[in-house]
Every structure is written in C-alpha cells, then in structure tokens.
Amino acid sequence: MLYNSQEEAIAENYFTFVNDVAGILTITLGTTALKFTHPEIFAWFFLAILVAWVSNKGKEYKKISERYLREYKGFGILSLFWRMNIMIIGIAYITGIALGHITEAKIYVFFGL
C-alpha cells in the first residue's frame, strides 16, 4: 500500500496490529477468563499483559503520535478511535469481566439461552 508519509505508514501498521492481533486476542483472552471459577483475577492479569504488550509494540507510533494526532483535532479524533474499534471492544469486554459486570451466566441470559 502507498502512504503519503512515513508517519502515515507507521500509524497504519500500528492500527492494523492493534485491531488484527491485539484486539482479537483481547476478546479471546476475555472469553478464556470466563471459564475459570474467578474470571476477574485472570481478566485483570490478561489486561495488564495486553496493555504492556500493545504499549511496547507502539513505541514507534508513540514517537510520531503527537505530530500525527494534530491532523485529527476535534471530531477527527473519533476517526482514530474507529480505526481501533476491535481493540476498544476487546478492552471494554475484558474490563467488564475484570470488574465482574460480564459473567458467563449474563452472556447466556443476554442471548436467551
């Protein structure tokens, strides 16, 4: 893919990683945590590891983020969040499990099972 700048390429690679790898892994680890007797403990552990991993993988993006974010002032920042939609859903999901708001039983009730 062609990019207008090196910063755009770095950002696109980071967002792709965040959604395609980390986002799906976050949802998977959250679901795995639900299978334990006390899923909250495992959800917190998984969340800590994931945040550290995503932060570590984002070092290159962190260097250019301030300049890159200037292009997305105001409502444009929402487009950046949209680019991380799977990761945001995954973080919300695993955080809900960690806080005890999402349980296996509640998921079954939600789906009418």
PDB file of N, CA and C in Angstrom:
ATOM      1  N   MET A   1       0.828  -1.173   0.000  1.00  0.00           N
ATOM      2  CA  MET A   1       0.000   0.000   0.000  1.00  0.00           C
ATOM      3  C   MET A   1       0.875   1.239   0.000  1.00  0.00           C
ATOM      4  N   LEU A   2       0.446   2.264  -0.693  1.00  0.00           N
ATOM      5  CA  LEU A   2       1.186   3.519  -0.762  1.00  0.00           C
ATOM      6  C   LEU A   2       0.694   4.476   0.315  1.00  0.00           C
ATOM      7  N   TYR A   3       1.643   5.133   0.961  1.00  0.00           N
ATOM      8  CA  TYR A   3       1.325   6.079   2.013  1.00  0.00           C
ATOM      9  C   TYR A   3       1.874   7.439   1.649  1.00  0.00           C
ATOM     10  N   ASN A   4       1.207   8.489   2.144  1.00  0.00           N
ATOM     11  CA  ASN A   4       1.648   9.854   1.866  1.00  0.00           C
ATOM     12  C   ASN A   4       2.921  10.212   2.618  1.00  0.00           C
ATOM     13  N   SER A   5       3.142   9.544   3.746  1.00  0.00           N
ATOM     14  CA  SER A   5       4.319   9.843   4.552  1.00  0.00           C
ATOM     15  C   SER A   5       4.724   8.610   5.341  1.00  0.00           C
ATOM     16  N   GLN A   6       5.916   8.667   5.877  1.00  0.00           N
ATOM     17  CA  GLN A   6       6.414   7.593   6.737  1.00  0.00           C
ATOM     18  C   GLN A   6       5.571   7.513   8.010  1.00  0.00           C
ATOM     19  N   GLU A   7       5.138   8.673   8.516  1.00  0.00           N
ATOM     20  CA  GLU A   7       4.309   8.693   9.721  1.00  0.00           C
ATOM     21  C   GLU A   7       2.979   7.983   9.479  1.00  0.00           C
ATOM     22  N   GLU A   8       2.392   8.184   8.320  1.00  0.00           N
ATOM     23  CA  GLU A   8       1.136   7.525   7.989  1.00  0.00           C
ATOM     24  C   GLU A   8       1.326   6.007   7.927  1.00  0.00           C
ATOM     25  N   ALA A   9       2.448   5.564   7.382  1.00  0.00           N
ATOM     26  CA  ALA A   9       2.744   4.128   7.303  1.00  0.00           C
ATOM     27  C   ALA A   9       2.914   3.535   8.697  1.00  0.00           C
ATOM     28  N   ILE A  10       3.621   4.246   9.569  1.00  0.00           N
ATOM     29  CA  ILE A  10       3.826   3.778  10.943  1.00  0.00           C
ATOM     30  C   ILE A  10       2.481   3.664  11.666  1.00  0.00           C
ATOM     31  N   ALA A  11       1.662   4.698  11.530  1.00  0.00           N
ATOM     32  CA  ALA A  11       0.352   4.689  12.185  1.00  0.00           C
ATOM     33  C   ALA A  11      -0.521   3.562  11.652  1.00  0.00           C
ATOM     34  N   GLU A  12      -0.537   3.376  10.349  1.00  0.00           N
ATOM     35  CA  GLU A  12      -1.366   2.326   9.756  1.00  0.00           C
ATOM     36  C   GLU A  12      -0.920   0.940  10.226  1.00  0.00           C
ATOM     37  N   ASN A  13       0.382   0.725  10.301  1.00  0.00           N
ATOM     38  CA  ASN A  13       0.900  -0.559  10.798  1.00  0.00           C
ATOM     39  C   ASN A  13       0.496  -0.787  12.257  1.00  0.00           C
ATOM     40  N   TYR A  14       0.550   0.267  13.061  1.00  0.00           N
ATOM     41  CA  TYR A  14       0.178   0.139  14.466  1.00  0.00           C
ATOM     42  C   TYR A  14      -1.313  -0.161  14.609  1.00  0.00           C
ATOM     43  N   PHE A  15      -2.157   0.573  13.900  1.00  0.00           N
ATOM     44  CA  PHE A  15      -3.594   0.345  13.988  1.00  0.00           C
ATOM     45  C   PHE A  15      -3.971  -1.046  13.475  1.00  0.00           C
ATOM     46  N   THR A  16      -3.297  -1.502  12.459  1.00  0.00           N
ATOM     47  CA  THR A  16      -3.546  -2.848  11.945  1.00  0.00           C
ATOM     48  C   THR A  16      -3.181  -3.886  13.000  1.00  0.00           C
ATOM     49  N   PHE A  17      -2.035  -3.724  13.629  1.00  0.00           N
ATOM     50  CA  PHE A  17      -1.623  -4.632  14.699  1.00  0.00           C
ATOM     51  C   PHE A  17      -2.623  -4.598  15.855  1.00  0.00           C
ATOM     52  N   VAL A  18      -3.004  -3.388  16.275  1.00  0.00           N
ATOM     53  CA  VAL A  18      -3.904  -3.236  17.418  1.00  0.00           C
ATOM     54  C   VAL A  18      -5.222  -3.962  17.166  1.00  0.00           C
ATOM     55  N   ASN A  19      -5.776  -3.848  15.978  1.00  0.00           N
ATOM     56  CA  ASN A  19      -7.051  -4.493  15.678  1.00  0.00           C
ATOM     57  C   ASN A  19      -6.900  -5.966  15.337  1.00  0.00           C
ATOM     58  N   ASP A  20      -6.036  -6.272  14.396  1.00  0.00           N
ATOM     59  CA  ASP A  20      -5.955  -7.634  13.876  1.00  0.00           C
ATOM     60  C   ASP A  20      -5.360  -8.628  14.862  1.00  0.00           C
ATOM     61  N   VAL A  21      -4.408  -8.220  15.618  1.00  0.00           N
ATOM     62  CA  VAL A  21      -3.746  -9.151  16.534  1.00  0.00           C
ATOM     63  C   VAL A  21      -4.219  -8.922  17.970  1.00  0.00           C
ATOM     64  N   ALA A  22      -3.938  -7.754  18.486  1.00  0.00           N
ATOM     65  CA  ALA A  22      -4.227  -7.485  19.895  1.00  0.00           C
ATOM     66  C   ALA A  22      -5.730  -7.452  20.184  1.00  0.00           C
ATOM     67  N   GLY A  23      -6.514  -6.890  19.279  1.00  0.00           N
ATOM     68  CA  GLY A  23      -7.960  -6.806  19.502  1.00  0.00           C
ATOM     69  C   GLY A  23      -8.614  -8.163  19.587  1.00  0.00           C
ATOM     70  N   ILE A  24      -8.313  -9.017  18.638  1.00  0.00           N
ATOM     71  CA  ILE A  24      -8.883 -10.369  18.640  1.00  0.00           C
ATOM     72  C   ILE A  24      -8.358 -11.163  19.826  1.00  0.00           C
ATOM     73  N   LEU A  25      -7.085 -10.998  20.146  1.00  0.00           N
ATOM     74  CA  LEU A  25      -6.510 -11.700  21.294  1.00  0.00           C
ATOM     75  C   LEU A  25      -7.173 -11.243  22.597  1.00  0.00           C
ATOM     76  N   THR A  26      -7.492  -9.965  22.706  1.00  0.00           N
ATOM     77  CA  THR A  26      -8.152  -9.453  23.906  1.00  0.00           C
ATOM     78  C   THR A  26      -9.512 -10.106  24.100  1.00  0.00           C
ATOM     79  N   ILE A  27     -10.283 -10.212  23.033  1.00  0.00           N
ATOM     80  CA  ILE A  27     -11.596 -10.858  23.105  1.00  0.00           C
ATOM     81  C   ILE A  27     -11.443 -12.339  23.454  1.00  0.00           C
ATOM     82  N   THR A  28     -10.465 -12.990  22.860  1.00  0.00           N
ATOM     83  CA  THR A  28     -10.229 -14.407  23.122  1.00  0.00           C
ATOM     84  C   THR A  28      -9.804 -14.641  24.574  1.00  0.00           C
ATOM     85  N   LEU A  29      -8.907 -13.815  25.074  1.00  0.00           N
ATOM     86  CA  LEU A  29      -8.467 -13.975  26.462  1.00  0.00           C
ATOM     87  C   LEU A  29      -9.584 -13.669  27.446  1.00  0.00           C
ATOM     88  N   GLY A  30     -10.431 -12.709  27.121  1.00  0.00           N
ATOM     89  CA  GLY A  30     -11.588 -12.427  27.972  1.00  0.00           C
ATOM     90  C   GLY A  30     -12.511 -13.631  28.060  1.00  0.00           C
ATOM     91  N   THR A  31     -12.775 -14.246  26.917  1.00  0.00           N
ATOM     92  CA  THR A  31     -13.633 -15.437  26.886  1.00  0.00           C
ATOM     93  C   THR A  31     -12.977 -16.590  27.630  1.00  0.00           C
ATOM     94  N   THR A  32     -11.689 -16.722  27.506  1.00  0.00           N
ATOM     95  CA  THR A  32     -10.961 -17.750  28.246  1.00  0.00           C
ATOM     96  C   THR A  32     -11.076 -17.510  29.745  1.00  0.00           C
ATOM     97  N   ALA A  33     -10.958 -16.264  30.164  1.00  0.00           N
ATOM     98  CA  ALA A  33     -11.056 -15.941  31.591  1.00  0.00           C
ATOM     99  C   ALA A  33     -12.407 -16.352  32.161  1.00  0.00           C
ATOM    100  N   LEU A  34     -13.460 -16.255  31.355  1.00  0.00           N
ATOM    101  CA  LEU A  34     -14.802 -16.611  31.829  1.00  0.00           C
ATOM    102  C   LEU A  34     -14.912 -18.084  32.221  1.00  0.00           C
ATOM    103  N   LYS A  35     -14.037 -18.914  31.749  1.00  0.00           N
ATOM    104  CA  LYS A  35     -14.094 -20.347  32.039  1.00  0.00           C
ATOM    105  C   LYS A  35     -13.503 -20.704  33.405  1.00  0.00           C
ATOM    106  N   PHE A  36     -12.851 -19.761  34.052  1.00  0.00           N
ATOM    107  CA  PHE A  36     -12.289 -20.010  35.371  1.00  0.00           C
ATOM    108  C   PHE A  36     -13.322 -19.716  36.455  1.00  0.00           C
ATOM    109  N   THR A  37     -13.114 -20.273  37.633  1.00  0.00           N
ATOM    110  CA  THR A  37     -14.025 -20.055  38.752  1.00  0.00           C
ATOM    111  C   THR A  37     -14.099 -18.573  39.118  1.00  0.00           C
ATOM    112  N   HIS A  38     -12.962 -17.912  39.130  1.00  0.00           N
ATOM    113  CA  HIS A  38     -12.891 -16.478  39.425  1.00  0.00           C
ATOM    114  C   HIS A  38     -12.282 -15.766  38.218  1.00  0.00           C
ATOM    115  N   PRO A  39     -13.100 -15.464  37.214  1.00  0.00           N
ATOM    116  CA  PRO A  39     -12.573 -14.892  35.980  1.00  0.00           C
ATOM    117  C   PRO A  39     -11.979 -13.495  36.147  1.00  0.00           C
ATOM    118  N   GLU A  40     -12.398 -12.785  37.181  1.00  0.00           N
ATOM    119  CA  GLU A  40     -11.923 -11.417  37.375  1.00  0.00           C
ATOM    120  C   GLU A  40     -10.404 -11.355  37.508  1.00  0.00           C
ATOM    121  N   ILE A  41      -9.863 -12.283  38.286  1.00  0.00           N
ATOM    122  CA  ILE A  41      -8.410 -12.310  38.517  1.00  0.00           C
ATOM    123  C   ILE A  41      -7.668 -12.511  37.198  1.00  0.00           C
ATOM    124  N   PHE A  42      -8.132 -13.450  36.406  1.00  0.00           N
ATOM    125  CA  PHE A  42      -7.473 -13.739  35.129  1.00  0.00           C
ATOM    126  C   PHE A  42      -7.666 -12.594  34.138  1.00  0.00           C
ATOM    127  N   ALA A  43      -8.837 -11.966  34.164  1.00  0.00           N
ATOM    128  CA  ALA A  43      -9.090 -10.838  33.271  1.00  0.00           C
ATOM    129  C   ALA A  43      -8.152  -9.683  33.593  1.00  0.00           C
ATOM    130  N   TRP A  44      -7.961  -9.380  34.883  1.00  0.00           N
ATOM    131  CA  TRP A  44      -7.023  -8.316  35.253  1.00  0.00           C
ATOM    132  C   TRP A  44      -5.604  -8.657  34.805  1.00  0.00           C
ATOM    133  N   PHE A  45      -5.212  -9.909  35.006  1.00  0.00           N
ATOM    134  CA  PHE A  45      -3.877 -10.345  34.604  1.00  0.00           C
ATOM    135  C   PHE A  45      -3.704 -10.212  33.092  1.00  0.00           C
ATOM    136  N   PHE A  46      -4.671 -10.737  32.331  1.00  0.00           N
ATOM    137  CA  PHE A  46      -4.605 -10.651  30.870  1.00  0.00           C
ATOM    138  C   PHE A  46      -4.595  -9.197  30.403  1.00  0.00           C
ATOM    139  N   LEU A  47      -5.396  -8.364  31.038  1.00  0.00           N
ATOM    140  CA  LEU A  47      -5.473  -6.953  30.660  1.00  0.00           C
ATOM    141  C   LEU A  47      -4.133  -6.257  30.885  1.00  0.00           C
ATOM    142  N   ALA A  48      -3.494  -6.537  31.998  1.00  0.00           N
ATOM    143  CA  ALA A  48      -2.186  -5.933  32.287  1.00  0.00           C
ATOM    144  C   ALA A  48      -1.147  -6.349  31.253  1.00  0.00           C
ATOM    145  N   ILE A  49      -1.133  -7.631  30.926  1.00  0.00           N
ATOM    146  CA  ILE A  49      -0.181  -8.135  29.927  1.00  0.00           C
ATOM    147  C   ILE A  49      -0.450  -7.509  28.570  1.00  0.00           C
ATOM    148  N   LEU A  50      -1.715  -7.431  28.176  1.00  0.00           N
ATOM    149  CA  LEU A  50      -2.073  -6.863  26.872  1.00  0.00           C
ATOM    150  C   LEU A  50      -1.710  -5.385  26.768  1.00  0.00           C
ATOM    151  N   VAL A  51      -1.974  -4.629  27.822  1.00  0.00           N
ATOM    152  CA  VAL A  51      -1.630  -3.203  27.804  1.00  0.00           C
ATOM    153  C   VAL A  51      -0.122  -3.027  27.685  1.00  0.00           C
ATOM    154  N   ALA A  52       0.640  -3.805  28.423  1.00  0.00           N
ATOM    155  CA  ALA A  52       2.100  -3.732  28.329  1.00  0.00           C
ATOM    156  C   ALA A  52       2.576  -4.107  26.928  1.00  0.00           C
ATOM    157  N   TRP A  53       1.994  -5.145  26.354  1.00  0.00           N
ATOM    158  CA  TRP A  53       2.390  -5.619  25.027  1.00  0.00           C
ATOM    159  C   TRP A  53       2.064  -4.592  23.951  1.00  0.00           C
ATOM    160  N   VAL A  54       0.837  -4.059  23.974  1.00  0.00           N
ATOM    161  CA  VAL A  54       0.426  -3.073  22.972  1.00  0.00           C
ATOM    162  C   VAL A  54       1.250  -1.799  23.118  1.00  0.00           C
ATOM    163  N   SER A  55       1.541  -1.401  24.345  1.00  0.00           N
ATOM    164  CA  SER A  55       2.377  -0.223  24.569  1.00  0.00           C
ATOM    165  C   SER A  55       3.783  -0.441  24.040  1.00  0.00           C
ATOM    166  N   ASN A  56       4.319  -1.616  24.280  1.00  0.00           N
ATOM    167  CA  ASN A  56       5.665  -1.934  23.802  1.00  0.00           C
ATOM    168  C   ASN A  56       5.718  -1.956  22.277  1.00  0.00           C
ATOM    169  N   LYS A  57       4.708  -2.539  21.649  1.00  0.00           N
ATOM    170  CA  LYS A  57       4.671  -2.596  20.180  1.00  0.00           C
ATOM    171  C   LYS A  57       4.425  -1.219  19.567  1.00  0.00           C
ATOM    172  N   GLY A  58       3.925  -0.292  20.376  1.00  0.00           N
ATOM    173  CA  GLY A  58       3.602   1.033  19.869  1.00  0.00           C
ATOM    174  C   GLY A  58       4.686   2.069  20.061  1.00  0.00           C
ATOM    175  N   LYS A  59       5.902   1.644  20.384  1.00  0.00           N
ATOM    176  CA  LYS A  59       6.987   2.600  20.622  1.00  0.00           C
ATOM    177  C   LYS A  59       7.235   3.484  19.408  1.00  0.00           C
ATOM    178  N   GLU A  60       7.232   2.889  18.231  1.00  0.00           N
ATOM    179  CA  GLU A  60       7.474   3.651  17.011  1.00  0.00           C
ATOM    180  C   GLU A  60       6.324   4.637  16.772  1.00  0.00           C
ATOM    181  N   TYR A  61       5.087   4.174  17.007  1.00  0.00           N
ATOM    182  CA  TYR A  61       3.926   5.067  16.859  1.00  0.00           C
ATOM    183  C   TYR A  61       3.975   6.179  17.890  1.00  0.00           C
ATOM    184  N   LYS A  62       4.388   5.872  19.109  1.00  0.00           N
ATOM    185  CA  LYS A  62       4.465   6.872  20.178  1.00  0.00           C
ATOM    186  C   LYS A  62       5.365   8.039  19.775  1.00  0.00           C
ATOM    187  N   LYS A  63       6.441   7.746  19.062  1.00  0.00           N
ATOM    188  CA  LYS A  63       7.372   8.785  18.634  1.00  0.00           C
ATOM    189  C   LYS A  63       6.729   9.777  17.669  1.00  0.00           C
ATOM    190  N   ILE A  64       5.807   9.321  16.846  1.00  0.00           N
ATOM    191  CA  ILE A  64       5.201  10.194  15.839  1.00  0.00           C
ATOM    192  C   ILE A  64       3.777  10.601  16.209  1.00  0.00           C
ATOM    193  N   SER A  65       3.255  10.086  17.306  1.00  0.00           N
ATOM    194  CA  SER A  65       1.835  10.273  17.624  1.00  0.00           C
ATOM    195  C   SER A  65       1.447  11.736  17.799  1.00  0.00           C
ATOM    196  N   GLU A  66       2.275  12.528  18.441  1.00  0.00           N
ATOM    197  CA  GLU A  66       1.920  13.930  18.659  1.00  0.00           C
ATOM    198  C   GLU A  66       1.741  14.666  17.332  1.00  0.00           C
ATOM    199  N   ARG A  67       2.667  14.491  16.424  1.00  0.00           N
ATOM    200  CA  ARG A  67       2.543  15.134  15.106  1.00  0.00           C
ATOM    201  C   ARG A  67       1.378  14.540  14.332  1.00  0.00           C
ATOM    202  N   TYR A  68       1.203  13.237  14.412  1.00  0.00           N
ATOM    203  CA  TYR A  68       0.140  12.559  13.675  1.00  0.00           C
ATOM    204  C   TYR A  68      -1.238  12.969  14.194  1.00  0.00           C
ATOM    205  N   LEU A  69      -1.380  13.119  15.498  1.00  0.00           N
ATOM    206  CA  LEU A  69      -2.669  13.459  16.096  1.00  0.00           C
ATOM    207  C   LEU A  69      -3.104  14.891  15.786  1.00  0.00           C
ATOM    208  N   ARG A  70      -2.172  15.763  15.453  1.00  0.00           N
ATOM    209  CA  ARG A  70      -2.537  17.135  15.092  1.00  0.00           C
ATOM    210  C   ARG A  70      -3.490  17.155  13.901  1.00  0.00           C
ATOM    211  N   GLU A  71      -3.381  16.172  13.025  1.00  0.00           N
ATOM    212  CA  GLU A  71      -4.253  16.083  11.863  1.00  0.00           C
ATOM    213  C   GLU A  71      -5.675  15.692  12.243  1.00  0.00           C
ATOM    214  N   TYR A  72      -5.880  15.184  13.446  1.00  0.00           N
ATOM    215  CA  TYR A  72      -7.176  14.645  13.855  1.00  0.00           C
ATOM    216  C   TYR A  72      -7.759  15.401  15.043  1.00  0.00           C
ATOM    217  N   LYS A  73      -7.620  16.728  15.044  1.00  0.00           N
ATOM    218  CA  LYS A  73      -8.178  17.519  16.137  1.00  0.00           C
ATOM    219  C   LYS A  73      -9.702  17.503  16.071  1.00  0.00           C
ATOM    220  N   GLY A  74     -10.336  17.728  17.209  1.00  0.00           N
ATOM    221  CA  GLY A  74     -11.794  17.787  17.254  1.00  0.00           C
ATOM    222  C   GLY A  74     -12.426  16.430  17.015  1.00  0.00           C
ATOM    223  N   PHE A  75     -13.453  16.417  16.177  1.00  0.00           N
ATOM    224  CA  PHE A  75     -14.163  15.172  15.896  1.00  0.00           C
ATOM    225  C   PHE A  75     -13.312  14.175  15.121  1.00  0.00           C
ATOM    226  N   GLY A  76     -12.242  14.648  14.517  1.00  0.00           N
ATOM    227  CA  GLY A  76     -11.355  13.755  13.783  1.00  0.00           C
ATOM    228  C   GLY A  76     -10.733  12.695  14.670  1.00  0.00           C
ATOM    229  N   ILE A  77     -10.607  13.016  15.974  1.00  0.00           N
ATOM    230  CA  ILE A  77     -10.048  12.043  16.916  1.00  0.00           C
ATOM    231  C   ILE A  77     -10.939  10.807  16.994  1.00  0.00           C
ATOM    232  N   LEU A  78     -12.249  10.988  16.767  1.00  0.00           N
ATOM    233  CA  LEU A  78     -13.163   9.844  16.755  1.00  0.00           C
ATOM    234  C   LEU A  78     -12.819   8.877  15.634  1.00  0.00           C
ATOM    235  N   SER A  79     -12.292   9.403  14.537  1.00  0.00           N
ATOM    236  CA  SER A  79     -11.898   8.505  13.447  1.00  0.00           C
ATOM    237  C   SER A  79     -10.719   7.634  13.861  1.00  0.00           C
ATOM    238  N   LEU A  80      -9.854   8.159  14.719  1.00  0.00           N
ATOM    239  CA  LEU A  80      -8.745   7.335  15.221  1.00  0.00           C
ATOM    240  C   LEU A  80      -9.269   6.231  16.123  1.00  0.00           C
ATOM    241  N   PHE A  81     -10.253   6.561  16.965  1.00  0.00           N
ATOM    242  CA  PHE A  81     -10.852   5.529  17.808  1.00  0.00           C
ATOM    243  C   PHE A  81     -11.545   4.482  16.951  1.00  0.00           C
ATOM    244  N   TRP A  82     -12.188   4.928  15.875  1.00  0.00           N
ATOM    245  CA  TRP A  82     -12.854   3.981  14.981  1.00  0.00           C
ATOM    246  C   TRP A  82     -11.840   3.032  14.350  1.00  0.00           C
ATOM    247  N   ARG A  83     -10.633   3.523  14.093  1.00  0.00           N
ATOM    248  CA  ARG A  83      -9.596   2.684  13.497  1.00  0.00           C
ATOM    249  C   ARG A  83      -9.121   1.614  14.473  1.00  0.00           C
ATOM    250  N   MET A  84      -9.440   1.780  15.756  1.00  0.00           N
ATOM    251  CA  MET A  84      -9.075   0.797  16.776  1.00  0.00           C
ATOM    252  C   MET A  84     -10.320   0.124  17.336  1.00  0.00           C
ATOM    253  N   ASN A  85     -11.368   0.011  16.547  1.00  0.00           N
ATOM    254  CA  ASN A  85     -12.663  -0.448  17.040  1.00  0.00           C
ATOM    255  C   ASN A  85     -12.633  -1.837  17.670  1.00  0.00           C
ATOM    256  N   ILE A  86     -11.959  -2.782  17.092  1.00  0.00           N
ATOM    257  CA  ILE A  86     -11.922  -4.134  17.655  1.00  0.00           C
ATOM    258  C   ILE A  86     -11.177  -4.128  18.987  1.00  0.00           C
ATOM    259  N   MET A  87     -10.105  -3.371  19.054  1.00  0.00           N
ATOM    260  CA  MET A  87      -9.349  -3.288  20.313  1.00  0.00           C
ATOM    261  C   MET A  87     -10.182  -2.616  21.395  1.00  0.00           C
ATOM    262  N   ILE A  88     -10.909  -1.581  21.056  1.00  0.00           N
ATOM    263  CA  ILE A  88     -11.745  -0.891  22.043  1.00  0.00           C
ATOM    264  C   ILE A  88     -12.837  -1.826  22.551  1.00  0.00           C
ATOM    265  N   ILE A  89     -13.459  -2.577  21.651  1.00  0.00           N
ATOM    266  CA  ILE A  89     -14.473  -3.557  22.061  1.00  0.00           C
ATOM    267  C   ILE A  89     -13.830  -4.606  22.974  1.00  0.00           C
ATOM    268  N   GLY A  90     -12.647  -5.088  22.597  1.00  0.00           N
ATOM    269  CA  GLY A  90     -11.947  -6.087  23.401  1.00  0.00           C
ATOM    270  C   GLY A  90     -11.581  -5.573  24.783  1.00  0.00           C
ATOM    271  N   ILE A  91     -11.095  -4.344  24.858  1.00  0.00           N
ATOM    272  CA  ILE A  91     -10.729  -3.748  26.149  1.00  0.00           C
ATOM    273  C   ILE A  91     -11.982  -3.566  27.016  1.00  0.00           C
ATOM    274  N   ALA A  92     -13.072  -3.103  26.407  1.00  0.00           N
ATOM    275  CA  ALA A  92     -14.325  -2.947  27.165  1.00  0.00           C
ATOM    276  C   ALA A  92     -14.814  -4.299  27.678  1.00  0.00           C
ATOM    277  N   TYR A  93     -14.720  -5.312  26.837  1.00  0.00           N
ATOM    278  CA  TYR A  93     -15.159  -6.661  27.194  1.00  0.00           C
ATOM    279  C   TYR A  93     -14.345  -7.227  28.352  1.00  0.00           C
ATOM    280  N   ILE A  94     -13.037  -7.200  28.241  1.00  0.00           N
ATOM    281  CA  ILE A  94     -12.194  -7.796  29.282  1.00  0.00           C
ATOM    282  C   ILE A  94     -12.235  -6.957  30.563  1.00  0.00           C
ATOM    283  N   THR A  95     -12.419  -5.646  30.443  1.00  0.00           N
ATOM    284  CA  THR A  95     -12.570  -4.797  31.623  1.00  0.00           C
ATOM    285  C   THR A  95     -13.890  -5.105  32.325  1.00  0.00           C
ATOM    286  N   GLY A  96     -14.950  -5.332  31.549  1.00  0.00           N
ATOM    287  CA  GLY A  96     -16.233  -5.726  32.130  1.00  0.00           C
ATOM    288  C   GLY A  96     -16.132  -7.030  32.896  1.00  0.00           C
ATOM    289  N   ILE A  97     -15.360  -7.948  32.365  1.00  0.00           N
ATOM    290  CA  ILE A  97     -15.135  -9.225  33.060  1.00  0.00           C
ATOM    291  C   ILE A  97     -14.327  -8.988  34.335  1.00  0.00           C
ATOM    292  N   ALA A  98     -13.278  -8.186  34.222  1.00  0.00           N
ATOM    293  CA  ALA A  98     -12.425  -7.903  35.380  1.00  0.00           C
ATOM    294  C   ALA A  98     -13.198  -7.225  36.503  1.00  0.00           C
ATOM    295  N   LEU A  99     -14.156  -6.380  36.155  1.00  0.00           N
ATOM    296  CA  LEU A  99     -14.962  -5.673  37.155  1.00  0.00           C
ATOM    297  C   LEU A  99     -16.152  -6.493  37.643  1.00  0.00           C
ATOM    298  N   GLY A 100     -16.372  -7.654  37.037  1.00  0.00           N
ATOM    299  CA  GLY A 100     -17.459  -8.530  37.441  1.00  0.00           C
ATOM    300  C   GLY A 100     -18.804  -8.199  36.807  1.00  0.00           C
ATOM    301  N   HIS A 101     -18.827  -7.276  35.846  1.00  0.00           N
ATOM    302  CA  HIS A 101     -20.075  -6.896  35.188  1.00  0.00           C
ATOM    303  C   HIS A 101     -20.476  -7.877  34.090  1.00  0.00           C
ATOM    304  N   ILE A 102     -19.513  -8.542  33.508  1.00  0.00           N
ATOM    305  CA  ILE A 102     -19.785  -9.538  32.463  1.00  0.00           C
ATOM    306  C   ILE A 102     -19.416 -10.901  33.033  1.00  0.00           C
ATOM    307  N   THR A 103     -20.400 -11.782  33.052  1.00  0.00           N
ATOM    308  CA  THR A 103     -20.176 -13.150  33.522  1.00  0.00           C
ATOM    309  C   THR A 103     -20.708 -14.109  32.462  1.00  0.00           C
ATOM    310  N   GLU A 104     -20.323 -15.348  32.601  1.00  0.00           N
ATOM    311  CA  GLU A 104     -20.802 -16.372  31.666  1.00  0.00           C
ATOM    312  C   GLU A 104     -22.335 -16.462  31.728  1.00  0.00           C
ATOM    313  N   ALA A 105     -22.888 -16.434  32.934  1.00  0.00           N
ATOM    314  CA  ALA A 105     -24.343 -16.532  33.104  1.00  0.00           C
ATOM    315  C   ALA A 105     -25.057 -15.351  32.447  1.00  0.00           C
ATOM    316  N   LYS A 106     -24.511 -14.145  32.593  1.00  0.00           N
ATOM    317  CA  LYS A 106     -25.129 -12.961  31.988  1.00  0.00           C
ATOM    318  C   LYS A 106     -25.079 -13.015  30.461  1.00  0.00           C
ATOM    319  N   ILE A 107     -24.034 -13.587  29.922  1.00  0.00           N
ATOM    320  CA  ILE A 107     -23.938 -13.735  28.467  1.00  0.00           C
ATOM    321  C   ILE A 107     -25.020 -14.684  27.976  1.00  0.00           C
ATOM    322  N   TYR A 108     -25.228 -15.794  28.699  1.00  0.00           N
ATOM    323  CA  TYR A 108     -26.291 -16.740  28.324  1.00  0.00           C
ATOM    324  C   TYR A 108     -27.663 -16.080  28.404  1.00  0.00           C
ATOM    325  N   VAL A 109     -27.899 -15.312  29.447  1.00  0.00           N
ATOM    326  CA  VAL A 109     -29.176 -14.615  29.594  1.00  0.00           C
ATOM    327  C   VAL A 109     -29.362 -13.618  28.445  1.00  0.00           C
ATOM    328  N   PHE A 110     -28.316 -12.881  28.115  1.00  0.00           N
ATOM    329  CA  PHE A 110     -28.386 -11.897  27.040  1.00  0.00           C
ATOM    330  C   PHE A 110     -28.819 -12.537  25.720  1.00  0.00           C
ATOM    331  N   PHE A 111     -28.301 -13.732  25.450  1.00  0.00           N
ATOM    332  CA  PHE A 111     -28.631 -14.428  24.215  1.00  0.00           C
ATOM    333  C   PHE A 111     -29.855 -15.342  24.359  1.00  0.00           C
ATOM    334  N   GLY A 112     -30.501 -15.287  25.509  1.00  0.00           N
ATOM    335  CA  GLY A 112     -31.723 -16.045  25.719  1.00  0.00           C
ATOM    336  C   GLY A 112     -31.530 -17.545  25.820  1.00  0.00           C
ATOM    337  N   LEU A 113     -30.392 -17.935  26.352  1.00  0.00           N
ATOM    338  CA  LEU A 113     -30.100 -19.378  26.489  1.00  0.00           C
ATOM    339  C   LEU A 113     -30.217 -19.819  27.938  1.00  0.00           C
TER     340      LEU A 113
END
